[in-house]
Amino acid sequence: MYKYDYNICTEPDEDIFKKQCAALEKHIPELKKEPLMTDVDNTKIQMYYKDGKKIKVKNDYMVGAVYIKSEIELTQFFKH
């Protein structure tokens, strides 16, 4: 079950989705990446795993947003 929700953008956006995935890959050590999934409505889903916990990034055309659902708290990886 996902414990954390992060709303990134209030409309689907390929560039923002790609940038968000790149930021996660850059800032979270030992992140494991699954192959990119594309739904029939062109929704993109990128799954990651960190220490056995799931992180899902979605560019969702049905909901109309870019968002992350995660089993771990992510802001800890982005503090300066």
PDB file of N, CA and C in Angstrom:
ATOM      1  N   MET A   1       0.843  -1.188   0.000  1.00  0.00           N
ATOM      2  CA  MET A   1       0.000   0.000   0.000  1.00  0.00           C
ATOM      3  C   MET A   1       0.885   1.247   0.000  1.00  0.00           C
ATOM      4  N   TYR A   2       0.536   2.194  -0.845  1.00  0.00           N
ATOM      5  CA  TYR A   2       1.295   3.437  -0.937  1.00  0.00           C
ATOM      6  C   TYR A   2       0.926   4.357   0.219  1.00  0.00           C
ATOM      7  N   LYS A   3       1.931   4.853   0.900  1.00  0.00           N
ATOM      8  CA  LYS A   3       1.723   5.709   2.066  1.00  0.00           C
ATOM      9  C   LYS A   3       1.836   7.195   1.718  1.00  0.00           C
ATOM     10  N   TYR A   4       2.615   7.525   0.680  1.00  0.00           N
ATOM     11  CA  TYR A   4       2.889   8.917   0.339  1.00  0.00           C
ATOM     12  C   TYR A   4       2.412   9.227  -1.078  1.00  0.00           C
ATOM     13  N   ASP A   5       1.790  10.396  -1.238  1.00  0.00           N
ATOM     14  CA  ASP A   5       1.331  10.890  -2.536  1.00  0.00           C
ATOM     15  C   ASP A   5       1.982  12.245  -2.800  1.00  0.00           C
ATOM     16  N   TYR A   6       2.505  12.406  -4.005  1.00  0.00           N
ATOM     17  CA  TYR A   6       3.134  13.662  -4.402  1.00  0.00           C
ATOM     18  C   TYR A   6       2.518  14.104  -5.731  1.00  0.00           C
ATOM     19  N   ASN A   7       1.783  15.198  -5.723  1.00  0.00           N
ATOM     20  CA  ASN A   7       1.212  15.752  -6.946  1.00  0.00           C
ATOM     21  C   ASN A   7       2.245  16.672  -7.573  1.00  0.00           C
ATOM     22  N   ILE A   8       2.656  16.352  -8.793  1.00  0.00           N
ATOM     23  CA  ILE A   8       3.716  17.090  -9.467  1.00  0.00           C
ATOM     24  C   ILE A   8       3.150  18.136 -10.418  1.00  0.00           C
ATOM     25  N   CYS A   9       2.103  17.778 -11.165  1.00  0.00           N
ATOM     26  CA  CYS A   9       1.525  18.671 -12.169  1.00  0.00           C
ATOM     27  C   CYS A   9       0.040  18.347 -12.312  1.00  0.00           C
ATOM     28  N   THR A  10      -0.792  19.367 -12.522  1.00  0.00           N
ATOM     29  CA  THR A  10      -2.242  19.170 -12.589  1.00  0.00           C
ATOM     30  C   THR A  10      -2.760  18.837 -13.985  1.00  0.00           C
ATOM     31  N   GLU A  11      -1.853  18.497 -14.877  1.00  0.00           N
ATOM     32  CA  GLU A  11      -2.231  17.999 -16.199  1.00  0.00           C
ATOM     33  C   GLU A  11      -1.145  17.058 -16.688  1.00  0.00           C
ATOM     34  N   PRO A  12      -1.474  16.123 -17.566  1.00  0.00           N
ATOM     35  CA  PRO A  12      -0.436  15.226 -18.076  1.00  0.00           C
ATOM     36  C   PRO A  12       0.603  16.009 -18.875  1.00  0.00           C
ATOM     37  N   ASP A  13       1.868  15.670 -18.690  1.00  0.00           N
ATOM     38  CA  ASP A  13       2.942  16.384 -19.374  1.00  0.00           C
ATOM     39  C   ASP A  13       4.147  15.449 -19.500  1.00  0.00           C
ATOM     40  N   GLU A  14       4.484  15.072 -20.726  1.00  0.00           N
ATOM     41  CA  GLU A  14       5.586  14.132 -20.975  1.00  0.00           C
ATOM     42  C   GLU A  14       6.921  14.657 -20.462  1.00  0.00           C
ATOM     43  N   ASP A  15       7.204  15.940 -20.707  1.00  0.00           N
ATOM     44  CA  ASP A  15       8.485  16.503 -20.288  1.00  0.00           C
ATOM     45  C   ASP A  15       8.625  16.504 -18.769  1.00  0.00           C
ATOM     46  N   ILE A  16       7.587  16.918 -18.070  1.00  0.00           N
ATOM     47  CA  ILE A  16       7.625  16.931 -16.603  1.00  0.00           C
ATOM     48  C   ILE A  16       7.753  15.508 -16.067  1.00  0.00           C
ATOM     49  N   PHE A  17       7.037  14.574 -16.675  1.00  0.00           N
ATOM     50  CA  PHE A  17       7.135  13.166 -16.277  1.00  0.00           C
ATOM     51  C   PHE A  17       8.577  12.667 -16.413  1.00  0.00           C
ATOM     52  N   LYS A  18       9.205  12.930 -17.563  1.00  0.00           N
ATOM     53  CA  LYS A  18      10.578  12.490 -17.802  1.00  0.00           C
ATOM     54  C   LYS A  18      11.557  13.161 -16.840  1.00  0.00           C
ATOM     55  N   LYS A  19      11.368  14.452 -16.591  1.00  0.00           N
ATOM     56  CA  LYS A  19      12.243  15.176 -15.666  1.00  0.00           C
ATOM     57  C   LYS A  19      12.092  14.649 -14.245  1.00  0.00           C
ATOM     58  N   GLN A  20      10.868  14.307 -13.853  1.00  0.00           N
ATOM     59  CA  GLN A  20      10.646  13.778 -12.510  1.00  0.00           C
ATOM     60  C   GLN A  20      11.330  12.418 -12.351  1.00  0.00           C
ATOM     61  N   CYS A  21      11.204  11.568 -13.360  1.00  0.00           N
ATOM     62  CA  CYS A  21      11.871  10.264 -13.317  1.00  0.00           C
ATOM     63  C   CYS A  21      13.386  10.446 -13.240  1.00  0.00           C
ATOM     64  N   ALA A  22      13.931  11.356 -14.033  1.00  0.00           N
ATOM     65  CA  ALA A  22      15.371  11.614 -14.025  1.00  0.00           C
ATOM     66  C   ALA A  22      15.833  12.125 -12.661  1.00  0.00           C
ATOM     67  N   ALA A  23      15.031  12.978 -12.031  1.00  0.00           N
ATOM     68  CA  ALA A  23      15.387  13.511 -10.710  1.00  0.00           C
ATOM     69  C   ALA A  23      15.426  12.394  -9.667  1.00  0.00           C
ATOM     70  N   LEU A  24      14.453  11.500  -9.702  1.00  0.00           N
ATOM     71  CA  LEU A  24      14.449  10.372  -8.769  1.00  0.00           C
ATOM     72  C   LEU A  24      15.692   9.513  -8.976  1.00  0.00           C
ATOM     73  N   GLU A  25      15.998   9.213 -10.228  1.00  0.00           N
ATOM     74  CA  GLU A  25      17.153   8.368 -10.543  1.00  0.00           C
ATOM     75  C   GLU A  25      18.466   9.028 -10.115  1.00  0.00           C
ATOM     76  N   LYS A  26      18.535  10.345 -10.188  1.00  0.00           N
ATOM     77  CA  LYS A  26      19.748  11.075  -9.813  1.00  0.00           C
ATOM     78  C   LYS A  26      19.920  11.153  -8.293  1.00  0.00           C
ATOM     79  N   HIS A  27      18.831  11.390  -7.574  1.00  0.00           N
ATOM     80  CA  HIS A  27      18.922  11.712  -6.148  1.00  0.00           C
ATOM     81  C   HIS A  27      18.747  10.534  -5.195  1.00  0.00           C
ATOM     82  N   ILE A  28      18.189   9.429  -5.667  1.00  0.00           N
ATOM     83  CA  ILE A  28      17.953   8.301  -4.766  1.00  0.00           C
ATOM     84  C   ILE A  28      18.954   7.197  -5.071  1.00  0.00           C
ATOM     85  N   PRO A  29      19.864   6.941  -4.140  1.00  0.00           N
ATOM     86  CA  PRO A  29      20.873   5.904  -4.374  1.00  0.00           C
ATOM     87  C   PRO A  29      20.261   4.502  -4.407  1.00  0.00           C
ATOM     88  N   GLU A  30      20.847   3.647  -5.239  1.00  0.00           N
ATOM     89  CA  GLU A  30      20.453   2.240  -5.341  1.00  0.00           C
ATOM     90  C   GLU A  30      18.991   2.043  -5.735  1.00  0.00           C
ATOM     91  N   LEU A  31      18.461   2.947  -6.543  1.00  0.00           N
ATOM     92  CA  LEU A  31      17.085   2.849  -7.031  1.00  0.00           C
ATOM     93  C   LEU A  31      17.045   1.856  -8.191  1.00  0.00           C
ATOM     94  N   LYS A  32      16.145   0.905  -8.136  1.00  0.00           N
ATOM     95  CA  LYS A  32      15.991  -0.092  -9.198  1.00  0.00           C
ATOM     96  C   LYS A  32      14.811   0.312 -10.077  1.00  0.00           C
ATOM     97  N   LYS A  33      15.033   0.296 -11.394  1.00  0.00           N
ATOM     98  CA  LYS A  33      14.049   0.774 -12.361  1.00  0.00           C
ATOM     99  C   LYS A  33      13.477  -0.390 -13.158  1.00  0.00           C
ATOM    100  N   GLU A  34      12.161  -0.437 -13.271  1.00  0.00           N
ATOM    101  CA  GLU A  34      11.472  -1.414 -14.114  1.00  0.00           C
ATOM    102  C   GLU A  34      11.301  -0.825 -15.520  1.00  0.00           C
ATOM    103  N   PRO A  35      10.999  -1.641 -16.524  1.00  0.00           N
ATOM    104  CA  PRO A  35      10.716  -1.101 -17.853  1.00  0.00           C
ATOM    105  C   PRO A  35       9.483  -0.182 -17.824  1.00  0.00           C
ATOM    106  N   LEU A  36       9.526   0.876 -18.617  1.00  0.00           N
ATOM    107  CA  LEU A  36       8.428   1.831 -18.719  1.00  0.00           C
ATOM    108  C   LEU A  36       7.184   1.136 -19.273  1.00  0.00           C
ATOM    109  N   MET A  37       6.036   1.391 -18.660  1.00  0.00           N
ATOM    110  CA  MET A  37       4.767   0.841 -19.137  1.00  0.00           C
ATOM    111  C   MET A  37       3.935   1.965 -19.744  1.00  0.00           C
ATOM    112  N   THR A  38       3.217   1.653 -20.834  1.00  0.00           N
ATOM    113  CA  THR A  38       2.318   2.610 -21.469  1.00  0.00           C
ATOM    114  C   THR A  38       0.943   1.974 -21.577  1.00  0.00           C
ATOM    115  N   ASP A  39      -0.073   2.657 -21.035  1.00  0.00           N
ATOM    116  CA  ASP A  39      -1.445   2.174 -21.058  1.00  0.00           C
ATOM    117  C   ASP A  39      -2.089   2.527 -22.410  1.00  0.00           C
ATOM    118  N   VAL A  40      -3.272   1.993 -22.676  1.00  0.00           N
ATOM    119  CA  VAL A  40      -3.955   2.208 -23.952  1.00  0.00           C
ATOM    120  C   VAL A  40      -4.305   3.678 -24.186  1.00  0.00           C
ATOM    121  N   ASP A  41      -4.461   4.458 -23.119  1.00  0.00           N
ATOM    122  CA  ASP A  41      -4.780   5.886 -23.264  1.00  0.00           C
ATOM    123  C   ASP A  41      -3.520   6.752 -23.293  1.00  0.00           C
ATOM    124  N   ASN A  42      -2.354   6.133 -23.442  1.00  0.00           N
ATOM    125  CA  ASN A  42      -1.036   6.761 -23.507  1.00  0.00           C
ATOM    126  C   ASN A  42      -0.499   7.175 -22.133  1.00  0.00           C
ATOM    127  N   THR A  43      -1.189   6.779 -21.062  1.00  0.00           N
ATOM    128  CA  THR A  43      -0.675   7.003 -19.714  1.00  0.00           C
ATOM    129  C   THR A  43       0.641   6.245 -19.559  1.00  0.00           C
ATOM    130  N   LYS A  44       1.650   6.925 -19.009  1.00  0.00           N
ATOM    131  CA  LYS A  44       2.955   6.306 -18.776  1.00  0.00           C
ATOM    132  C   LYS A  44       3.094   5.997 -17.288  1.00  0.00           C
ATOM    133  N   ILE A  45       3.645   4.828 -16.993  1.00  0.00           N
ATOM    134  CA  ILE A  45       3.861   4.393 -15.618  1.00  0.00           C
ATOM    135  C   ILE A  45       5.301   3.902 -15.496  1.00  0.00           C
ATOM    136  N   GLN A  46       6.052   4.551 -14.607  1.00  0.00           N
ATOM    137  CA  GLN A  46       7.425   4.124 -14.337  1.00  0.00           C
ATOM    138  C   GLN A  46       7.490   3.634 -12.896  1.00  0.00           C
ATOM    139  N   MET A  47       7.846   2.366 -12.737  1.00  0.00           N
ATOM    140  CA  MET A  47       7.967   1.769 -11.406  1.00  0.00           C
ATOM    141  C   MET A  47       9.430   1.711 -10.998  1.00  0.00           C
ATOM    142  N   TYR A  48       9.655   2.039  -9.733  1.00  0.00           N
ATOM    143  CA  TYR A  48      10.981   1.937  -9.125  1.00  0.00           C
ATOM    144  C   TYR A  48      10.854   1.159  -7.823  1.00  0.00           C
ATOM    145  N   TYR A  49      11.986   0.632  -7.371  1.00  0.00           N
ATOM    146  CA  TYR A  49      12.048  -0.071  -6.086  1.00  0.00           C
ATOM    147  C   TYR A  49      13.285   0.397  -5.330  1.00  0.00           C
ATOM    148  N   LYS A  50      13.094   0.668  -4.049  1.00  0.00           N
ATOM    149  CA  LYS A  50      14.192   1.062  -3.158  1.00  0.00           C
ATOM    150  C   LYS A  50      14.040   0.248  -1.883  1.00  0.00           C
ATOM    151  N   ASP A  51      14.994  -0.620  -1.616  1.00  0.00           N
ATOM    152  CA  ASP A  51      14.966  -1.463  -0.421  1.00  0.00           C
ATOM    153  C   ASP A  51      13.655  -2.250  -0.314  1.00  0.00           C
ATOM    154  N   GLY A  52      13.171  -2.751  -1.453  1.00  0.00           N
ATOM    155  CA  GLY A  52      11.948  -3.557  -1.475  1.00  0.00           C
ATOM    156  C   GLY A  52      10.658  -2.755  -1.436  1.00  0.00           C
ATOM    157  N   LYS A  53      10.745  -1.436  -1.398  1.00  0.00           N
ATOM    158  CA  LYS A  53       9.561  -0.570  -1.363  1.00  0.00           C
ATOM    159  C   LYS A  53       9.310   0.011  -2.756  1.00  0.00           C
ATOM    160  N   LYS A  54       8.025   0.191  -3.101  1.00  0.00           N
ATOM    161  CA  LYS A  54       7.639   0.660  -4.430  1.00  0.00           C
ATOM    162  C   LYS A  54       7.527   2.176  -4.511  1.00  0.00           C
ATOM    163  N   ILE A  55       7.913   2.700  -5.684  1.00  0.00           N
ATOM    164  CA  ILE A  55       7.701   4.097  -6.045  1.00  0.00           C
ATOM    165  C   ILE A  55       7.118   4.081  -7.457  1.00  0.00           C
ATOM    166  N   LYS A  56       5.930   4.671  -7.625  1.00  0.00           N
ATOM    167  CA  LYS A  56       5.272   4.687  -8.936  1.00  0.00           C
ATOM    168  C   LYS A  56       5.110   6.130  -9.404  1.00  0.00           C
ATOM    169  N   VAL A  57       5.661   6.425 -10.602  1.00  0.00           N
ATOM    170  CA  VAL A  57       5.505   7.740 -11.218  1.00  0.00           C
ATOM    171  C   VAL A  57       4.549   7.566 -12.390  1.00  0.00           C
ATOM    172  N   LYS A  58       3.509   8.428 -12.436  1.00  0.00           N
ATOM    173  CA  LYS A  58       2.506   8.306 -13.495  1.00  0.00           C
ATOM    174  C   LYS A  58       2.289   9.621 -14.222  1.00  0.00           C
ATOM    175  N   ASN A  59       2.257   9.544 -15.536  1.00  0.00           N
ATOM    176  CA  ASN A  59       1.789  10.634 -16.390  1.00  0.00           C
ATOM    177  C   ASN A  59       0.410  10.183 -16.845  1.00  0.00           C
ATOM    178  N   ASP A  60      -0.620  10.542 -16.089  1.00  0.00           N
ATOM    179  CA  ASP A  60      -1.944   9.935 -16.180  1.00  0.00           C
ATOM    180  C   ASP A  60      -2.920  10.781 -16.998  1.00  0.00           C
ATOM    181  N   TYR A  61      -3.324  10.255 -18.147  1.00  0.00           N
ATOM    182  CA  TYR A  61      -4.259  10.969 -19.009  1.00  0.00           C
ATOM    183  C   TYR A  61      -5.711  10.812 -18.550  1.00  0.00           C
ATOM    184  N   MET A  62      -6.042   9.768 -17.833  1.00  0.00           N
ATOM    185  CA  MET A  62      -7.398   9.599 -17.301  1.00  0.00           C
ATOM    186  C   MET A  62      -7.651  10.565 -16.144  1.00  0.00           C
ATOM    187  N   VAL A  63      -6.716  10.651 -15.236  1.00  0.00           N
ATOM    188  CA  VAL A  63      -6.832  11.557 -14.088  1.00  0.00           C
ATOM    189  C   VAL A  63      -6.503  12.993 -14.503  1.00  0.00           C
ATOM    190  N   GLY A  64      -5.581  13.122 -15.432  1.00  0.00           N
ATOM    191  CA  GLY A  64      -5.151  14.442 -15.883  1.00  0.00           C
ATOM    192  C   GLY A  64      -4.098  15.031 -14.976  1.00  0.00           C
ATOM    193  N   ALA A  65      -3.015  14.275 -14.721  1.00  0.00           N
ATOM    194  CA  ALA A  65      -1.984  14.750 -13.801  1.00  0.00           C
ATOM    195  C   ALA A  65      -0.700  13.936 -13.933  1.00  0.00           C
ATOM    196  N   VAL A  66       0.385  14.512 -13.420  1.00  0.00           N
ATOM    197  CA  VAL A  66       1.626  13.788 -13.190  1.00  0.00           C
ATOM    198  C   VAL A  66       1.754  13.679 -11.675  1.00  0.00           C
ATOM    199  N   TYR A  67       1.932  12.463 -11.183  1.00  0.00           N
ATOM    200  CA  TYR A  67       2.021  12.278  -9.738  1.00  0.00           C
ATOM    201  C   TYR A  67       2.867  11.067  -9.394  1.00  0.00           C
ATOM    202  N   ILE A  68       3.232  11.003  -8.107  1.00  0.00           N
ATOM    203  CA  ILE A  68       4.014   9.896  -7.580  1.00  0.00           C
ATOM    204  C   ILE A  68       3.264   9.295  -6.405  1.00  0.00           C
ATOM    205  N   LYS A  69       3.220   7.982  -6.362  1.00  0.00           N
ATOM    206  CA  LYS A  69       2.740   7.252  -5.190  1.00  0.00           C
ATOM    207  C   LYS A  69       3.930   6.432  -4.698  1.00  0.00           C
ATOM    208  N   SER A  70       4.188   6.497  -3.399  1.00  0.00           N
ATOM    209  CA  SER A  70       5.403   5.877  -2.878  1.00  0.00           C
ATOM    210  C   SER A  70       5.162   5.219  -1.527  1.00  0.00           C
ATOM    211  N   GLU A  71       5.888   4.148  -1.298  1.00  0.00           N
ATOM    212  CA  GLU A  71       5.859   3.493   0.003  1.00  0.00           C
ATOM    213  C   GLU A  71       6.904   4.082   0.945  1.00  0.00           C
ATOM    214  N   ILE A  72       7.762   4.969   0.416  1.00  0.00           N
ATOM    215  CA  ILE A  72       8.747   5.645   1.268  1.00  0.00           C
ATOM    216  C   ILE A  72       8.626   7.149   1.081  1.00  0.00           C
ATOM    217  N   GLU A  73       9.028   7.894   2.100  1.00  0.00           N
ATOM    218  CA  GLU A  73       9.005   9.349   2.061  1.00  0.00           C
ATOM    219  C   GLU A  73      10.166   9.814   1.179  1.00  0.00           C
ATOM    220  N   LEU A  74       9.869  10.643   0.169  1.00  0.00           N
ATOM    221  CA  LEU A  74      10.877  10.996  -0.832  1.00  0.00           C
ATOM    222  C   LEU A  74      11.593  12.316  -0.593  1.00  0.00           C
ATOM    223  N   THR A  75      10.999  13.252   0.157  1.00  0.00           N
ATOM    224  CA  THR A  75      11.633  14.556   0.301  1.00  0.00           C
ATOM    225  C   THR A  75      12.992  14.459   0.979  1.00  0.00           C
ATOM    226  N   GLN A  76      13.225  13.401   1.757  1.00  0.00           N
ATOM    227  CA  GLN A  76      14.533  13.223   2.405  1.00  0.00           C
ATOM    228  C   GLN A  76      15.682  13.146   1.402  1.00  0.00           C
ATOM    229  N   PHE A  77      15.396  12.716   0.170  1.00  0.00           N
ATOM    230  CA  PHE A  77      16.430  12.570  -0.843  1.00  0.00           C
ATOM    231  C   PHE A  77      16.700  13.869  -1.602  1.00  0.00           C
ATOM    232  N   PHE A  78      15.856  14.881  -1.378  1.00  0.00           N
ATOM    233  CA  PHE A  78      15.963  16.134  -2.140  1.00  0.00           C
ATOM    234  C   PHE A  78      16.341  17.325  -1.277  1.00  0.00           C
ATOM    235  N   LYS A  79      16.696  17.097  -0.017  1.00  0.00           N
ATOM    236  CA  LYS A  79      17.133  18.191   0.854  1.00  0.00           C
ATOM    237  C   LYS A  79      18.536  18.617   0.458  1.00  0.00           C
ATOM    238  N   HIS A  80      18.792  19.900   0.564  1.00  0.00           N
ATOM    239  CA  HIS A  80      20.117  20.447   0.180  1.00  0.00           C
ATOM    240  C   HIS A  80      21.061  20.410   1.344  1.00  0.00           C
TER     241      HIS A  80
END
